[in-house]
Amino acid sequence: MEILDGKKAAQAIRDVLKIDVAQRVNEGKKIPHLAAILVGNNGASETYVAAKVKACEETGFKSTLIRFEGDTSESALLEKIDELNLDPDIDGILVQLPLPKHIDDKKVINAIAPSKDVDGFHPVSVGKMVEGLPTFVPATPYGIMLLLQHYKIDTKGKHAVVIGRSNIVGRPISILLSGNSNPGNCTVTICHSHTVNLKEICLQADIIVAAIGIPEFVKADMVKEGAVVIDVGITRVEDATRKSGFRLKGDVDFTGVSLKSSFITPVPGGVGPMTIAALMKNTFLACATKN
């Protein structure tokens, strides 16, 4: 069993981006600028946004963090997005999800200009991804593909089972893995809460992507010997022995599954850092495309 270390792979990506940014500076070109919007004070969202801002600093990007109170109106948020769309210095716009219940996520996502949609959630970006056209790929699925690429995982002709069908992870990663690319060229099965014989299907998988949001859902008896296991899940579970009062668990029972898998991602330190690295790559692309 080998650990798919997202921290190391993400650092390698940031190192390359840092060189690319330095070259742009030497050539007198614009450096990438990411605007992140945070609504409310959700603890997990605060952590994620802080990590993204830190990654920008380390890579040489500019970043702007815009905070709104949790009771901010939808119209005020949309007005700020319109302002950022028109700002030529902003290359990428990120609205941290989830948003408060009184704000329509889809309306907010659709308001971001496709040219600045570095999270890859806009329908234009999704449509281009489906057709295999150049676009901003959703950061988490893109990060998974970059991780497979970094570790040179052979995916051609393999059976990949994706557990979870969200628009953020499950559906896009199924499209990317089935695409005519490297990594890619998989035969993909998408499973979800209504799938019959889920265990039997998973046992056929050469690659499992677990993105169902249930801690330790994937057990060792669901995984065949030598499978590659990608754990997208991350849930805070109460733990009185920890100073923080909680610990993080993925969707995979790491202790048991790691004994059978050939490669496996840890939680934390697997897909999470790669998601941020993919966001950085998208932001650089948004900037470089303009100049």
Protein backbone atom coordinates (compact mmCIF):
# COMPACT_ATOMS: atom_id res chain seq x y z
CA MET A 1 0.00 0.00 0.00
CA GLU A 2 1.24 3.47 -0.93
CA ILE A 3 -0.14 6.74 0.37
CA LEU A 4 -1.28 9.25 -2.26
CA ASP A 5 0.16 12.25 -0.46
CA GLY A 6 -1.86 15.28 -1.52
CA LYS A 7 0.39 17.65 0.43
CA LYS A 8 3.50 16.63 -1.52
CA ALA A 9 1.74 16.63 -4.89
CA ALA A 10 0.13 20.01 -4.19
CA GLN A 11 3.48 21.47 -3.16
CA ALA A 12 5.00 20.30 -6.45
CA ILE A 13 2.21 22.09 -8.36
CA ARG A 14 2.64 25.29 -6.32
CA ASP A 15 6.41 25.20 -6.91
CA VAL A 16 5.84 25.19 -10.68
CA LEU A 17 3.23 27.93 -10.44
CA LYS A 18 5.59 30.04 -8.34
CA ILE A 19 8.20 29.88 -11.10
CA ASP A 20 5.56 30.72 -13.72
CA VAL A 21 4.41 33.76 -11.70
CA ALA A 22 8.01 34.95 -11.25
CA GLN A 23 8.49 34.71 -15.00
CA ARG A 24 5.39 36.83 -15.58
CA VAL A 25 6.75 39.42 -13.16
CA ASN A 26 10.09 39.50 -15.01
CA GLU A 27 8.22 40.02 -18.28
CA GLY A 28 6.18 42.85 -16.79
CA LYS A 29 2.95 40.90 -17.07
CA LYS A 30 0.03 40.85 -14.67
CA ILE A 31 0.12 38.38 -11.77
CA PRO A 32 -2.94 36.26 -10.96
CA HIS A 33 -5.48 37.77 -8.55
CA LEU A 34 -8.09 35.64 -6.76
CA ALA A 35 -11.08 37.21 -4.99
CA ALA A 36 -12.66 34.99 -2.33
CA ILE A 37 -16.05 35.74 -0.81
CA LEU A 38 -16.99 34.35 2.60
CA VAL A 39 -20.55 34.74 3.91
CA GLY A 40 -21.12 34.15 7.61
CA ASN A 41 -18.68 32.52 10.04
CA ASN A 42 -18.93 28.79 9.39
CA GLY A 43 -15.85 27.24 11.01
CA ALA A 44 -15.04 24.82 8.20
CA SER A 45 -15.49 27.53 5.57
CA GLU A 46 -13.18 29.86 7.51
CA THR A 47 -10.53 27.13 7.50
CA TYR A 48 -10.90 26.40 3.78
CA VAL A 49 -10.75 30.06 2.75
CA ALA A 50 -7.73 30.72 4.97
CA ALA A 51 -5.92 27.81 3.31
CA LYS A 52 -6.72 29.21 -0.14
CA VAL A 53 -5.49 32.68 0.77
CA LYS A 54 -2.30 31.18 2.21
CA ALA A 55 -1.73 29.18 -0.99
CA CYS A 56 -2.05 32.40 -2.99
CA GLU A 57 0.59 34.09 -0.82
CA GLU A 58 2.99 31.15 -1.13
CA THR A 59 2.58 31.02 -4.91
CA GLY A 60 2.95 34.74 -5.51
CA PHE A 61 -0.68 35.40 -6.41
CA LYS A 62 -2.63 38.41 -5.20
CA SER A 63 -5.70 37.59 -3.14
CA THR A 64 -8.61 39.59 -1.78
CA LEU A 65 -10.87 38.19 0.94
CA ILE A 66 -14.32 39.76 1.06
CA ARG A 67 -16.42 39.03 4.14
CA PHE A 68 -20.18 39.33 4.53
CA GLU A 69 -22.28 38.81 7.64
CA GLY A 70 -24.46 35.70 7.70
CA ASP A 71 -27.63 37.78 7.33
CA THR A 72 -26.39 39.57 4.21
CA SER A 73 -29.04 39.76 1.50
CA GLU A 74 -28.77 37.81 -1.72
CA SER A 75 -28.98 41.04 -3.71
CA ALA A 76 -25.99 42.52 -1.84
CA LEU A 77 -23.92 39.44 -2.61
CA LEU A 78 -24.92 39.47 -6.28
CA GLU A 79 -24.07 43.17 -6.48
CA LYS A 80 -20.54 42.47 -5.19
CA ILE A 81 -20.11 39.66 -7.73
CA ASP A 82 -21.15 42.02 -10.53
CA GLU A 83 -18.55 44.49 -9.29
CA LEU A 84 -15.82 41.83 -9.31
CA ASN A 85 -16.88 40.65 -12.78
CA LEU A 86 -16.19 44.14 -14.09
CA ASP A 87 -12.88 44.62 -12.24
CA PRO A 88 -10.06 43.96 -14.75
CA ASP A 89 -7.58 43.25 -11.94
CA ILE A 90 -9.60 40.27 -10.65
CA ASP A 91 -8.88 37.05 -12.54
CA GLY A 92 -10.81 34.54 -10.48
CA ILE A 93 -13.87 34.73 -8.24
CA LEU A 94 -14.51 32.15 -5.53
CA VAL A 95 -17.67 32.11 -3.41
CA GLN A 96 -17.15 29.71 -0.53
CA LEU A 97 -19.99 27.20 -0.18
CA PRO A 98 -22.24 26.42 1.57
CA LEU A 99 -24.09 29.73 1.68
CA PRO A 100 -26.78 30.66 4.23
CA LYS A 101 -30.16 29.09 3.44
CA HIS A 102 -31.75 32.37 2.35
CA ILE A 103 -29.27 32.69 -0.53
CA ASP A 104 -29.72 30.64 -3.72
CA ASP A 105 -26.42 28.86 -4.45
CA LYS A 106 -27.26 28.36 -8.12
CA LYS A 107 -28.15 32.01 -8.65
CA VAL A 108 -24.82 33.04 -7.11
CA ILE A 109 -22.81 30.55 -9.16
CA ASN A 110 -24.54 31.63 -12.37
CA ALA A 111 -23.77 35.28 -11.60
CA ILE A 112 -20.01 34.72 -11.80
CA ALA A 113 -18.58 35.53 -15.23
CA PRO A 114 -17.52 32.24 -16.92
CA SER A 115 -14.11 33.82 -17.64
CA LYS A 116 -13.57 34.17 -13.87
CA ASP A 117 -15.27 30.94 -12.75
CA VAL A 118 -12.14 29.33 -11.29
CA ASP A 119 -14.23 26.94 -9.18
CA GLY A 120 -15.63 25.49 -12.42
CA PHE A 121 -19.26 25.45 -11.28
CA HIS A 122 -20.85 27.72 -13.90
CA PRO A 123 -23.07 25.89 -16.45
CA VAL A 124 -20.83 27.17 -19.25
CA SER A 125 -17.77 25.62 -17.59
CA VAL A 126 -19.61 22.35 -16.94
CA GLY A 127 -20.89 22.17 -20.51
CA LYS A 128 -17.41 22.67 -21.93
CA MET A 129 -16.02 20.01 -19.60
CA VAL A 130 -18.63 17.52 -20.80
CA GLU A 131 -17.66 18.22 -24.40
CA GLY A 132 -13.96 17.96 -23.63
CA LEU A 133 -13.29 21.61 -24.46
CA PRO A 134 -10.74 23.79 -22.63
CA THR A 135 -12.37 25.23 -19.52
CA PHE A 136 -12.12 25.59 -15.77
CA VAL A 137 -12.64 22.13 -14.31
CA PRO A 138 -14.27 21.90 -10.84
CA ALA A 139 -11.43 22.09 -8.35
CA THR A 140 -11.92 18.85 -6.40
CA PRO A 141 -12.33 16.54 -9.43
CA TYR A 142 -9.47 18.38 -11.15
CA GLY A 143 -7.36 17.89 -8.03
CA ILE A 144 -8.08 14.16 -8.07
CA MET A 145 -6.99 13.92 -11.71
CA LEU A 146 -3.80 15.86 -10.91
CA LEU A 147 -3.10 13.51 -8.00
CA LEU A 148 -3.51 10.43 -10.22
CA GLN A 149 -1.24 12.08 -12.77
CA HIS A 150 1.41 12.96 -10.17
CA TYR A 151 1.63 9.35 -8.96
CA LYS A 152 1.39 7.95 -12.51
CA ILE A 153 -1.61 5.76 -11.66
CA ASP A 154 -2.60 3.63 -14.64
CA THR A 155 -6.30 4.31 -15.33
CA LYS A 156 -6.67 3.20 -18.95
CA GLY A 157 -9.33 0.50 -19.27
CA LYS A 158 -9.87 0.34 -15.53
CA HIS A 159 -13.28 0.12 -13.85
CA ALA A 160 -13.83 3.18 -11.67
CA VAL A 161 -16.70 3.27 -9.19
CA VAL A 162 -17.75 6.71 -7.97
CA ILE A 163 -19.84 6.73 -4.79
CA GLY A 164 -21.79 9.99 -4.78
CA ARG A 165 -23.46 11.97 -7.55
CA SER A 166 -23.06 15.62 -6.51
CA ASN A 167 -22.49 18.31 -9.12
CA ILE A 168 -19.36 19.34 -7.22
CA VAL A 169 -17.56 15.98 -7.16
CA GLY A 170 -19.38 12.81 -8.21
CA ARG A 171 -20.74 13.73 -11.62
CA PRO A 172 -17.72 15.74 -12.85
CA ILE A 173 -15.14 13.15 -11.74
CA SER A 174 -17.14 10.46 -13.57
CA ILE A 175 -16.92 12.54 -16.75
CA LEU A 176 -13.21 13.20 -16.34
CA LEU A 177 -12.33 9.57 -15.60
CA SER A 178 -14.31 8.34 -18.60
CA GLY A 179 -12.77 10.92 -20.95
CA ASN A 180 -10.26 10.14 -23.67
CA SER A 181 -7.30 11.44 -21.67
CA ASN A 182 -4.50 10.42 -19.34
CA PRO A 183 -5.54 9.95 -16.57
CA GLY A 184 -8.85 8.79 -17.97
CA ASN A 185 -10.20 6.15 -20.35
CA CYS A 186 -11.95 4.39 -17.46
CA THR A 187 -15.24 2.55 -17.53
CA VAL A 188 -17.19 4.40 -14.86
CA THR A 189 -20.08 3.37 -12.63
CA ILE A 190 -21.79 6.04 -10.50
CA CYS A 191 -23.37 4.77 -7.29
CA HIS A 192 -25.51 6.58 -4.72
CA SER A 193 -27.88 6.07 -1.81
CA HIS A 194 -30.42 4.19 -3.97
CA THR A 195 -27.91 1.85 -5.63
CA VAL A 196 -28.76 -1.83 -5.24
CA ASN A 197 -25.90 -4.25 -4.50
CA LEU A 198 -23.44 -1.43 -3.81
CA LYS A 199 -20.96 -3.72 -2.09
CA GLU A 200 -20.86 -6.10 -5.06
CA ILE A 201 -20.32 -3.22 -7.48
CA CYS A 202 -17.49 -1.76 -5.39
CA LEU A 203 -15.79 -5.15 -5.27
CA GLN A 204 -15.48 -4.97 -9.08
CA ALA A 205 -13.71 -1.60 -8.95
CA ASP A 206 -10.08 -1.03 -9.82
CA ILE A 207 -10.53 2.56 -8.63
CA ILE A 208 -12.98 3.78 -5.99
CA VAL A 209 -13.80 7.46 -5.50
CA ALA A 210 -15.73 7.86 -2.25
CA ALA A 211 -17.67 11.14 -2.13
CA ILE A 212 -20.86 10.30 -0.26
CA GLY A 213 -20.31 12.39 2.88
CA ILE A 214 -20.76 9.55 5.39
CA PRO A 215 -17.78 8.92 7.71
CA GLU A 216 -16.07 5.55 7.16
CA PHE A 217 -18.83 4.39 4.80
CA VAL A 218 -16.46 2.32 2.64
CA LYS A 219 -15.32 -0.74 4.59
CA ALA A 220 -12.60 -3.26 3.78
CA ASP A 221 -15.14 -5.88 2.69
CA MET A 222 -16.25 -3.50 -0.11
CA VAL A 223 -12.77 -3.21 -1.65
CA LYS A 224 -10.92 -5.77 -3.73
CA GLU A 225 -7.21 -6.43 -3.31
CA GLY A 226 -5.04 -3.88 -5.09
CA ALA A 227 -7.71 -1.25 -5.68
CA VAL A 228 -6.87 2.46 -5.80
CA VAL A 229 -8.99 4.33 -3.25
CA ILE A 230 -9.64 8.07 -3.38
CA ASP A 231 -11.36 9.43 -0.26
CA VAL A 232 -13.04 12.79 -0.91
CA GLY A 233 -15.04 12.89 2.32
CA ILE A 234 -14.11 15.00 5.33
CA THR A 235 -16.38 15.16 8.36
CA ARG A 236 -15.78 16.60 11.83
CA VAL A 237 -16.48 13.91 14.43
CA GLU A 238 -16.57 14.73 18.14
CA ASP A 239 -13.51 13.51 20.04
CA ALA A 240 -13.08 14.56 23.68
CA THR A 241 -9.45 13.40 23.65
CA ARG A 242 -8.49 16.09 21.13
CA LYS A 243 -7.76 19.69 22.09
CA SER A 244 -10.03 20.87 19.29
CA GLY A 245 -12.83 18.63 20.52
CA PHE A 246 -13.10 16.84 17.19
CA ARG A 247 -11.18 14.84 14.63
CA LEU A 248 -11.54 14.54 10.88
CA LYS A 249 -12.79 11.38 9.22
CA GLY A 250 -13.11 10.52 5.57
CA ASP A 251 -15.70 8.42 3.77
CA VAL A 252 -13.33 5.44 3.89
CA ASP A 253 -12.41 3.25 6.87
CA PHE A 254 -8.72 3.94 6.36
CA THR A 255 -7.43 1.40 8.88
CA GLY A 256 -9.16 -1.54 7.23
CA VAL A 257 -9.16 -0.46 3.59
CA SER A 258 -5.48 0.50 3.55
CA LEU A 259 -4.59 -3.16 4.16
CA LYS A 260 -6.18 -4.13 0.83
CA SER A 261 -5.59 -1.12 -1.42
CA SER A 262 -2.56 -0.51 -3.63
CA PHE A 263 -2.89 3.28 -3.29
CA ILE A 264 -5.04 5.30 -0.90
CA THR A 265 -5.51 8.95 0.04
CA PRO A 266 -5.35 9.97 3.70
CA VAL A 267 -7.81 12.31 5.42
CA PRO A 268 -6.69 14.97 5.97
CA GLY A 269 -3.79 15.49 3.58
CA GLY A 270 -5.11 13.77 0.47
CA VAL A 271 -7.72 15.33 -1.79
CA GLY A 272 -8.03 18.57 0.24
CA PRO A 273 -4.62 20.06 -0.64
CA MET A 274 -5.11 18.99 -4.27
CA THR A 275 -8.40 20.89 -4.46
CA ILE A 276 -6.58 24.08 -3.52
CA ALA A 277 -3.74 23.34 -5.96
CA ALA A 278 -6.31 22.87 -8.75
CA LEU A 279 -7.92 26.19 -7.83
CA MET A 280 -4.50 27.84 -8.13
CA LYS A 281 -3.97 26.31 -11.56
CA ASN A 282 -7.39 27.53 -12.70
CA THR A 283 -6.66 31.04 -11.42
CA PHE A 284 -3.32 31.12 -13.21
CA LEU A 285 -5.05 29.97 -16.40
CA ALA A 286 -7.67 32.72 -16.04
CA CYS A 287 -4.91 35.31 -15.79
CA ALA A 288 -2.70 33.88 -18.54
CA THR A 289 -5.64 33.61 -20.95
CA LYS A 290 -6.15 37.38 -20.75
CA ASN A 291 -2.48 38.22 -21.10
